[in-house]
N, C-alpha and C. Protein backbone atom coordinates (compact mmCIF):
# COMPACT_ATOMS: atom_id res chain seq x y z
N MET A 1 164.52 -5.50 19.12
CA MET A 1 163.11 -5.29 19.34
C MET A 1 162.41 -5.06 18.01
N ARG A 2 161.24 -5.71 17.84
CA ARG A 2 160.51 -5.56 16.59
C ARG A 2 159.67 -4.30 16.58
N LYS A 3 159.56 -3.72 15.42
CA LYS A 3 158.67 -2.57 15.28
C LYS A 3 157.25 -3.08 15.12
N ARG A 4 156.35 -2.42 15.76
CA ARG A 4 154.94 -2.81 15.64
C ARG A 4 154.29 -2.02 14.53
N ARG A 5 153.46 -2.73 13.78
CA ARG A 5 152.69 -2.04 12.75
C ARG A 5 151.46 -1.41 13.41
N PRO A 6 151.05 -0.27 12.93
CA PRO A 6 149.82 0.31 13.49
C PRO A 6 148.62 -0.58 13.16
N PHE A 7 147.71 -0.64 14.09
CA PHE A 7 146.51 -1.46 13.92
C PHE A 7 145.65 -0.86 12.82
N THR A 8 145.32 -1.65 11.83
CA THR A 8 144.44 -1.16 10.76
C THR A 8 143.17 -1.99 10.77
N LYS A 9 142.10 -1.30 10.89
CA LYS A 9 140.80 -1.95 10.92
C LYS A 9 140.30 -2.08 9.49
N GLU A 10 139.75 -3.22 9.16
CA GLU A 10 139.20 -3.40 7.82
C GLU A 10 138.00 -2.49 7.65
N LYS A 11 137.99 -1.80 6.54
CA LYS A 11 136.86 -0.91 6.27
C LYS A 11 135.71 -1.73 5.69
N LYS A 12 134.57 -1.61 6.35
CA LYS A 12 133.39 -2.31 5.86
C LYS A 12 132.48 -1.30 5.19
N GLU A 13 131.73 -1.79 4.24
CA GLU A 13 130.77 -0.92 3.58
C GLU A 13 129.66 -0.58 4.56
N PRO A 14 129.16 0.65 4.52
CA PRO A 14 128.10 1.01 5.47
C PRO A 14 126.86 0.15 5.24
N GLN A 15 126.37 -0.40 6.33
CA GLN A 15 125.17 -1.24 6.25
C GLN A 15 123.95 -0.41 6.62
N GLU A 16 122.83 -0.89 6.20
CA GLU A 16 121.59 -0.24 6.60
C GLU A 16 121.40 -0.45 8.09
N ASN A 17 120.60 0.41 8.68
CA ASN A 17 120.33 0.29 10.10
C ASN A 17 119.70 -1.08 10.37
N LEU A 18 120.29 -1.83 11.31
CA LEU A 18 119.81 -3.17 11.58
C LEU A 18 118.44 -3.17 12.23
N LYS A 19 118.14 -2.15 13.03
CA LYS A 19 116.82 -2.08 13.65
C LYS A 19 115.81 -1.68 12.58
N GLU A 20 114.68 -2.32 12.62
CA GLU A 20 113.66 -1.98 11.63
C GLU A 20 112.88 -0.77 12.12
N GLU A 21 112.48 0.03 11.17
CA GLU A 21 111.74 1.24 11.50
C GLU A 21 110.32 0.89 11.92
N GLY A 22 109.76 1.70 12.80
CA GLY A 22 108.40 1.48 13.24
C GLY A 22 107.40 2.02 12.23
N ILE A 23 106.15 1.64 12.40
CA ILE A 23 105.06 2.08 11.52
C ILE A 23 104.36 3.23 12.23
N GLU A 24 104.32 4.40 11.60
CA GLU A 24 103.70 5.56 12.24
C GLU A 24 102.21 5.61 11.91
N VAL A 25 101.39 5.73 12.97
CA VAL A 25 99.94 5.83 12.84
C VAL A 25 99.44 6.91 13.79
N MET A 26 98.21 7.34 13.57
CA MET A 26 97.60 8.34 14.44
C MET A 26 96.47 7.69 15.20
N GLY A 27 96.21 8.20 16.41
CA GLY A 27 95.14 7.65 17.21
C GLY A 27 94.72 8.61 18.30
N THR A 28 93.76 8.16 19.10
CA THR A 28 93.22 8.94 20.21
C THR A 28 93.38 8.16 21.49
N VAL A 29 93.87 8.83 22.53
CA VAL A 29 94.06 8.18 23.83
C VAL A 29 92.69 7.91 24.44
N ILE A 30 92.47 6.67 24.86
CA ILE A 30 91.20 6.27 25.46
C ILE A 30 91.31 6.23 26.98
N GLU A 31 92.40 5.64 27.48
CA GLU A 31 92.53 5.40 28.91
C GLU A 31 94.00 5.49 29.31
N LYS A 32 94.25 5.96 30.54
CA LYS A 32 95.61 6.03 31.07
C LYS A 32 95.78 4.95 32.12
N PHE A 33 96.92 4.24 32.06
CA PHE A 33 97.24 3.20 33.02
C PHE A 33 98.45 3.64 33.85
N PRO A 34 98.67 3.01 35.01
CA PRO A 34 99.86 3.35 35.80
C PRO A 34 101.14 2.99 35.04
N GLY A 35 102.20 3.71 35.35
CA GLY A 35 103.50 3.42 34.75
C GLY A 35 103.69 4.03 33.37
N GLY A 36 102.88 5.03 33.02
CA GLY A 36 103.05 5.69 31.73
C GLY A 36 102.53 4.92 30.54
N MET A 37 101.60 4.00 30.75
CA MET A 37 101.01 3.24 29.66
C MET A 37 99.64 3.84 29.32
N PHE A 38 99.27 3.73 28.04
CA PHE A 38 98.01 4.30 27.57
C PHE A 38 97.33 3.33 26.63
N SER A 39 95.99 3.33 26.67
CA SER A 39 95.21 2.59 25.70
C SER A 39 94.83 3.58 24.60
N ILE A 40 95.14 3.23 23.36
CA ILE A 40 94.96 4.15 22.24
C ILE A 40 94.13 3.49 21.17
N GLN A 41 93.12 4.22 20.67
CA GLN A 41 92.31 3.72 19.56
C GLN A 41 92.83 4.36 18.28
N LEU A 42 93.27 3.52 17.35
CA LEU A 42 93.80 4.01 16.09
C LEU A 42 92.67 4.46 15.18
N GLU A 43 93.03 5.15 14.10
CA GLU A 43 92.03 5.59 13.13
C GLU A 43 91.34 4.41 12.46
N GLN A 44 92.02 3.25 12.44
CA GLN A 44 91.45 2.04 11.84
C GLN A 44 90.61 1.26 12.85
N LYS A 45 90.25 1.89 13.98
CA LYS A 45 89.38 1.32 15.03
C LYS A 45 90.03 0.17 15.80
N GLN A 46 91.36 0.04 15.76
CA GLN A 46 92.06 -0.97 16.55
C GLN A 46 92.46 -0.36 17.88
N LEU A 47 92.47 -1.17 18.94
CA LEU A 47 92.97 -0.73 20.24
C LEU A 47 94.38 -1.25 20.42
N VAL A 48 95.31 -0.36 20.79
CA VAL A 48 96.70 -0.76 21.03
C VAL A 48 97.14 -0.17 22.37
N LEU A 49 98.23 -0.71 22.88
CA LEU A 49 98.82 -0.24 24.13
C LEU A 49 100.07 0.55 23.79
N GLY A 50 100.22 1.74 24.35
CA GLY A 50 101.36 2.57 24.03
C GLY A 50 102.01 3.15 25.27
N HIS A 51 103.29 3.47 25.17
CA HIS A 51 104.00 4.14 26.25
C HIS A 51 104.67 5.40 25.72
N LEU A 52 105.05 6.29 26.63
CA LEU A 52 105.65 7.56 26.22
C LEU A 52 107.07 7.37 25.73
N SER A 53 107.44 8.12 24.71
CA SER A 53 108.82 8.09 24.25
C SER A 53 109.67 8.86 25.26
N GLY A 54 110.97 8.67 25.18
CA GLY A 54 111.87 9.32 26.13
C GLY A 54 111.83 10.83 26.05
N ARG A 55 111.67 11.37 24.85
CA ARG A 55 111.62 12.83 24.69
C ARG A 55 110.39 13.42 25.38
N LEU A 56 109.23 12.75 25.24
CA LEU A 56 108.02 13.25 25.89
C LEU A 56 108.13 13.12 27.41
N ARG A 57 108.72 12.02 27.87
CA ARG A 57 108.88 11.81 29.31
C ARG A 57 109.86 12.83 29.89
N LYS A 58 110.96 13.09 29.16
CA LYS A 58 111.97 14.02 29.62
C LYS A 58 111.42 15.44 29.75
N ASN A 59 110.61 15.86 28.77
CA ASN A 59 110.03 17.20 28.78
C ASN A 59 108.71 17.28 29.53
N ARG A 60 108.33 16.19 30.16
CA ARG A 60 107.11 16.11 30.98
C ARG A 60 105.86 16.55 30.22
N ILE A 61 105.71 16.03 29.02
CA ILE A 61 104.51 16.31 28.24
C ILE A 61 103.38 15.48 28.83
N ARG A 62 102.32 16.15 29.22
CA ARG A 62 101.20 15.46 29.87
C ARG A 62 100.20 15.02 28.81
N ILE A 63 99.80 13.77 28.88
CA ILE A 63 98.84 13.21 27.93
C ILE A 63 97.62 12.76 28.70
N LEU A 64 96.47 13.20 28.24
CA LEU A 64 95.20 12.90 28.90
C LEU A 64 94.29 12.15 27.94
N PRO A 65 93.29 11.45 28.48
CA PRO A 65 92.32 10.78 27.59
C PRO A 65 91.65 11.80 26.67
N GLY A 66 91.54 11.45 25.39
CA GLY A 66 90.96 12.34 24.40
C GLY A 66 92.00 13.04 23.53
N ASP A 67 93.26 13.01 23.93
CA ASP A 67 94.32 13.65 23.14
C ASP A 67 94.60 12.85 21.87
N ARG A 68 94.87 13.57 20.77
CA ARG A 68 95.29 12.92 19.52
C ARG A 68 96.80 12.80 19.57
N VAL A 69 97.31 11.63 19.23
CA VAL A 69 98.74 11.36 19.31
C VAL A 69 99.22 10.65 18.05
N THR A 70 100.54 10.75 17.80
CA THR A 70 101.19 9.94 16.78
C THR A 70 101.88 8.80 17.49
N LEU A 71 101.70 7.62 16.97
CA LEU A 71 102.20 6.41 17.61
C LEU A 71 103.11 5.68 16.63
N GLU A 72 104.22 5.16 17.12
CA GLU A 72 105.13 4.36 16.31
C GLU A 72 104.98 2.91 16.75
N LEU A 73 104.37 2.10 15.88
CA LEU A 73 104.13 0.70 16.21
C LEU A 73 105.37 -0.14 15.95
N SER A 74 105.55 -1.14 16.77
CA SER A 74 106.66 -2.07 16.58
C SER A 74 106.34 -2.99 15.40
N PRO A 75 107.30 -3.24 14.51
CA PRO A 75 107.02 -4.15 13.39
C PRO A 75 106.85 -5.60 13.85
N TYR A 76 107.29 -5.90 15.07
CA TYR A 76 107.20 -7.27 15.57
C TYR A 76 105.88 -7.54 16.30
N ASP A 77 105.32 -6.51 16.95
CA ASP A 77 104.07 -6.67 17.68
C ASP A 77 103.20 -5.45 17.40
N LEU A 78 102.20 -5.61 16.57
CA LEU A 78 101.37 -4.48 16.13
C LEU A 78 100.36 -4.04 17.18
N THR A 79 100.38 -4.63 18.38
CA THR A 79 99.46 -4.22 19.44
C THR A 79 100.15 -3.34 20.46
N ARG A 80 101.44 -3.03 20.26
CA ARG A 80 102.19 -2.19 21.19
C ARG A 80 102.93 -1.12 20.40
N GLY A 81 103.10 0.05 21.04
CA GLY A 81 103.80 1.12 20.35
C GLY A 81 104.32 2.17 21.30
N ARG A 82 104.95 3.19 20.71
CA ARG A 82 105.55 4.28 21.46
C ARG A 82 104.91 5.59 21.01
N ILE A 83 104.43 6.39 21.94
CA ILE A 83 103.84 7.68 21.61
C ILE A 83 104.97 8.66 21.34
N THR A 84 105.00 9.23 20.12
CA THR A 84 106.09 10.11 19.74
C THR A 84 105.67 11.58 19.64
N TYR A 85 104.38 11.87 19.56
CA TYR A 85 103.94 13.26 19.42
C TYR A 85 102.51 13.41 19.93
N ARG A 86 102.23 14.52 20.62
CA ARG A 86 100.87 14.84 21.05
C ARG A 86 100.43 16.11 20.34
N PHE A 87 99.29 16.03 19.67
CA PHE A 87 98.76 17.20 18.97
C PHE A 87 98.04 18.09 19.96
N ARG A 88 98.09 19.38 19.70
CA ARG A 88 97.46 20.35 20.63
C ARG A 88 95.96 20.38 20.49
C-alpha cells in the first residue's frame, strides 16, 4: 500500500477585495416606498433610490421622510444605494 502525501494547498499572495467599495454620500429622505425603499435627495441635489442595510433592518431602525442619512452608492449604478446610517 502506498503512503499518501498530505494535501498541500499552494499559497497565494493576498489579493485586494474583489468587490469594489461603495461611494459614501449624505442625503435627506424625501419619500418612503413599500418594501423598504426610499427616495433620497443628495447634497448635490440628485435624487437616488436607496434601501436599508441589513444592520438597520435587523435593529429595526425606523427612517422617516426628512431624516438625514449616510448612503453608500454602488460604483456600477450611481442612482441606487444602501442606507448605512441615520443621523438623530
